[in-house]
């Protein structure tokens, strides 16, 4: 899903950069306001884990790839989509600068897709579906977050003229619909593991409350 350099022309990538910089401003505001010192180790562990799972790429025709994202996991655990924007931005910047995974000119688009679309989809779908059951809500939210991020990626490259629309939507949609099942399973497992091992950091019964858990 990492868009390389040359796939998004100037001034289109400037638009994604502007949107991303505005989102980064609000995510930094969230961190300053809501991220507690005792939550920072969990934030770092999730960043390292997401960095690792995103390294497992499956090549997709026309120059992009399929992989897990992890934005919904962060948005749900920290009860804020801004947490996902911040964490995914850190991961994608490091991947782009150190490993050349995703172009620097396309970094705004990559953060927009995986951090903003992934994080906000995961957060609001979980919040909307929570009353029907928290575990199914986590699974659906995480699956939809990666699927919609992949569809957005395909549409952006089509607008840029570097990706076929119908074939691109099919390939990105099909690959990430399957990868999304793995991501949903892992997200449920990790969320339950955090709740069981560190209920002081995350607990479904206290989700979104200011007490001890960062909220939007």
Protein backbone atom coordinates (compact mmCIF):
# COMPACT_ATOMS: atom_id res chain seq x y z
CA UNK A 1 0.00 0.00 0.00
CA UNK A 2 3.08 2.23 0.19
CA UNK A 3 2.97 4.53 -2.85
CA UNK A 4 6.47 5.06 -4.29
CA UNK A 5 7.91 8.31 -5.60
CA UNK A 6 6.76 9.18 -9.11
CA UNK A 7 3.28 7.68 -8.75
CA UNK A 8 1.61 10.88 -7.48
CA UNK A 9 2.43 14.01 -9.49
CA UNK A 10 2.99 17.48 -8.04
CA UNK A 11 0.52 19.29 -7.26
CA UNK A 12 -1.59 16.24 -6.28
CA UNK A 13 0.90 15.08 -3.67
CA UNK A 14 1.00 18.65 -2.29
CA UNK A 15 -2.73 18.33 -1.52
CA UNK A 16 -2.15 15.09 0.43
CA UNK A 17 0.78 16.70 2.25
CA UNK A 18 -1.37 19.67 3.32
CA UNK A 19 -4.14 17.38 4.62
CA UNK A 20 -1.56 15.25 6.43
CA UNK A 21 0.22 18.21 8.03
CA UNK A 22 -3.12 19.53 9.36
CA UNK A 23 -3.90 16.05 10.74
CA UNK A 24 -0.43 15.84 12.27
CA UNK A 25 -1.02 19.15 14.05
CA UNK A 26 -4.19 17.77 15.67
CA UNK A 27 -2.51 14.46 16.50
CA UNK A 28 0.27 16.34 18.29
CA UNK A 29 -2.40 18.25 20.20
CA UNK A 30 -3.91 14.92 21.21
CA UNK A 31 -0.53 13.63 22.40
CA UNK A 32 0.14 16.76 24.43
CA UNK A 33 -3.34 16.66 25.99
CA UNK A 34 -4.24 12.97 26.40
CA UNK A 35 -1.22 10.70 26.05
CA UNK A 36 -0.20 9.74 29.58
CA UNK A 37 3.41 9.03 30.49
CA UNK A 38 2.57 5.47 31.50
CA UNK A 39 1.00 4.87 28.07
CA UNK A 40 4.15 5.79 26.17
CA UNK A 41 5.78 2.31 26.45
CA UNK A 42 2.61 0.74 24.97
CA UNK A 43 2.63 3.37 22.21
CA UNK A 44 6.26 2.48 21.43
CA UNK A 45 5.60 -1.27 21.48
CA UNK A 46 2.67 -0.90 19.07
CA UNK A 47 4.80 1.28 16.79
CA UNK A 48 7.52 -1.37 16.68
CA UNK A 49 4.98 -4.13 16.02
CA UNK A 50 3.26 -2.21 13.23
CA UNK A 51 6.63 -1.36 11.71
CA UNK A 52 7.38 -5.10 11.60
CA UNK A 53 4.04 -6.31 10.20
CA UNK A 54 4.11 -3.68 7.46
CA UNK A 55 7.46 -5.06 6.32
CA UNK A 56 5.69 -8.24 5.19
CA UNK A 57 4.61 -7.07 1.75
CA UNK A 58 2.77 -8.97 -0.97
CA UNK A 59 3.51 -7.50 -4.42
CA UNK A 60 0.48 -6.20 -6.31
CA UNK A 61 0.58 -5.47 -10.07
CA UNK A 62 1.26 -1.91 -11.28
CA UNK A 63 3.86 -1.14 -8.63
CA UNK A 64 2.28 -1.22 -5.18
CA UNK A 65 1.91 -3.87 -2.47
CA UNK A 66 -0.46 -5.42 0.04
CA UNK A 67 0.19 -5.65 3.78
CA UNK A 68 -1.39 -5.17 7.19
CA UNK A 69 -1.70 -1.61 8.56
CA UNK A 70 -2.56 -1.58 12.28
CA UNK A 71 -4.28 1.83 12.40
CA UNK A 72 -7.55 0.51 13.87
CA UNK A 73 -5.63 -1.28 16.63
CA UNK A 74 -4.00 1.98 17.75
CA UNK A 75 -7.22 4.02 17.43
CA UNK A 76 -9.15 1.49 19.54
CA UNK A 77 -6.48 0.92 22.22
CA UNK A 78 -5.90 4.67 22.72
CA UNK A 79 -9.56 5.57 22.08
CA UNK A 80 -8.61 8.22 19.55
CA UNK A 81 -8.12 8.34 15.76
CA UNK A 82 -5.43 10.98 16.34
CA UNK A 83 -3.31 8.36 18.09
CA UNK A 84 -3.37 6.30 14.88
CA UNK A 85 -2.46 9.32 12.77
CA UNK A 86 0.54 10.08 14.99
CA UNK A 87 1.80 6.51 15.32
CA UNK A 88 1.35 5.63 11.63
CA UNK A 89 3.07 8.89 10.66
CA UNK A 90 6.12 7.98 12.76
CA UNK A 91 6.22 4.47 11.28
CA UNK A 92 5.79 5.64 7.67
CA UNK A 93 8.37 8.43 8.01
CA UNK A 94 10.96 5.97 9.34
CA UNK A 95 10.13 3.43 6.63
CA UNK A 96 10.44 6.08 3.92
CA UNK A 97 13.64 7.67 5.20
CA UNK A 98 15.57 4.58 6.30
CA UNK A 99 14.28 1.75 4.13
CA UNK A 100 12.90 3.56 1.08
CA UNK A 101 9.54 1.86 1.66
CA UNK A 102 7.18 4.42 0.15
CA UNK A 103 8.27 7.61 -1.56
CA UNK A 104 8.99 10.85 0.28
CA UNK A 105 6.90 12.91 -2.14
CA UNK A 106 4.09 10.36 -1.68
CA UNK A 107 4.50 10.28 2.12
CA UNK A 108 1.56 12.62 2.60
CA UNK A 109 -0.68 10.29 0.57
CA UNK A 110 0.60 7.22 2.45
CA UNK A 111 -0.09 8.83 5.84
CA UNK A 112 -3.47 10.02 4.55
CA UNK A 113 -4.45 6.49 3.51
CA UNK A 114 -3.06 4.38 6.34
CA UNK A 115 -3.07 6.85 9.25
CA UNK A 116 -6.06 9.10 8.62
CA UNK A 117 -8.46 6.86 6.68
CA UNK A 118 -7.35 3.74 8.55
CA UNK A 119 -7.43 5.40 11.97
CA UNK A 120 -10.73 7.25 11.60
CA UNK A 121 -12.49 4.27 10.00
CA UNK A 122 -11.29 1.96 12.76
CA UNK A 123 -12.22 4.35 15.56
CA UNK A 124 -15.68 5.38 14.38
CA UNK A 125 -16.74 1.93 13.20
CA UNK A 126 -15.76 0.44 16.54
CA UNK A 127 -17.63 3.19 18.36
CA UNK A 128 -20.71 2.69 16.16
CA UNK A 129 -20.75 -1.12 16.42
CA UNK A 130 -19.63 -1.46 20.03
CA UNK A 131 -23.16 -1.91 21.37
CA UNK A 132 -23.54 -5.05 19.21
CA UNK A 133 -20.50 -6.68 20.84
CA UNK A 134 -17.00 -5.38 21.41
CA UNK A 135 -15.06 -8.25 19.84
CA UNK A 136 -17.10 -8.29 16.59
CA UNK A 137 -16.84 -4.50 16.53
CA UNK A 138 -13.03 -4.68 16.78
CA UNK A 139 -12.91 -7.26 13.97
CA UNK A 140 -15.21 -5.35 11.60
CA UNK A 141 -13.55 -2.00 12.32
CA UNK A 142 -10.04 -3.31 11.70
CA UNK A 143 -11.07 -5.17 8.52
CA UNK A 144 -12.86 -2.13 7.10
CA UNK A 145 -10.02 0.23 8.02
CA UNK A 146 -7.46 -1.61 5.89
CA UNK A 147 -9.91 -2.32 3.06
CA UNK A 148 -11.00 1.32 2.69
CA UNK A 149 -7.40 2.56 2.95
CA UNK A 150 -6.47 0.24 0.07
CA UNK A 151 -9.41 1.40 -2.04
CA UNK A 152 -8.43 5.03 -1.42
CA UNK A 153 -4.87 4.22 -2.47
CA UNK A 154 -6.09 2.69 -5.74
CA UNK A 155 -8.33 5.69 -6.50
CA UNK A 156 -5.53 8.18 -5.79
CA UNK A 157 -3.16 6.41 -8.18
CA UNK A 158 -5.91 6.24 -10.80
CA UNK A 159 -6.47 10.00 -10.45
CA UNK A 160 -2.70 10.41 -10.84
CA UNK A 161 -2.85 8.39 -14.06
CA UNK A 162 -0.54 5.62 -12.82
CA UNK A 163 -3.07 2.89 -11.98
CA UNK A 164 -5.98 1.34 -13.92
CA UNK A 165 -9.31 2.04 -12.20
CA UNK A 166 -11.29 -1.19 -12.54
CA UNK A 167 -8.38 -3.65 -12.44
CA UNK A 168 -6.70 -1.62 -9.72
CA UNK A 169 -9.79 -1.57 -7.50
CA UNK A 170 -10.23 -5.30 -7.99
CA UNK A 171 -6.64 -6.17 -7.16
CA UNK A 172 -6.26 -3.79 -4.20
CA UNK A 173 -9.72 -4.65 -2.92
CA UNK A 174 -9.31 -8.42 -3.26
CA UNK A 175 -5.82 -8.56 -1.73
CA UNK A 176 -6.74 -6.35 1.21
CA UNK A 177 -10.09 -8.03 1.77
CA UNK A 178 -8.11 -11.21 2.47
CA UNK A 179 -5.28 -9.48 4.36
CA UNK A 180 -7.97 -7.67 6.35
CA UNK A 181 -9.16 -11.00 7.76
CA UNK A 182 -5.67 -11.62 9.15
CA UNK A 183 -5.48 -8.05 10.45
CA UNK A 184 -8.89 -8.41 12.13
CA UNK A 185 -7.80 -11.61 13.86
CA UNK A 186 -4.50 -10.14 15.05
CA UNK A 187 -6.20 -6.94 16.22
CA UNK A 188 -8.71 -8.89 18.32
CA UNK A 189 -5.93 -11.03 19.83
CA UNK A 190 -3.73 -8.02 20.65
CA UNK A 191 -6.60 -5.98 22.11
CA UNK A 192 -7.64 -8.88 24.35
CA UNK A 193 -4.03 -9.50 25.38
CA UNK A 194 -3.57 -5.85 26.39
CA UNK A 195 -6.83 -5.85 28.32
CA UNK A 196 -5.90 -9.04 30.18
CA UNK A 197 -2.30 -8.08 30.92
CA UNK A 198 -2.66 -4.30 31.43
CA UNK A 199 -6.26 -3.41 32.31
CA UNK A 200 -4.90 -0.18 33.77
CA UNK A 201 -4.02 0.89 30.20
CA UNK A 202 -6.98 -0.52 28.27
CA UNK A 203 -10.34 -1.89 29.34
CA UNK A 204 -13.47 -2.19 27.22
CA UNK A 205 -15.67 -1.17 30.15
CA UNK A 206 -13.78 2.14 30.46
CA UNK A 207 -13.26 2.77 26.76
CA UNK A 208 -13.30 6.42 25.84
CA UNK A 209 -13.39 7.64 29.42
CA UNK A 210 -10.86 10.22 30.44
CA UNK A 211 -9.92 8.23 33.53
CA UNK A 212 -6.60 6.58 32.78
CA UNK A 213 -7.31 6.11 29.07
CA UNK A 214 -6.72 8.72 26.44
CA UNK A 215 -9.84 9.77 24.61
CA UNK A 216 -10.54 11.84 21.55
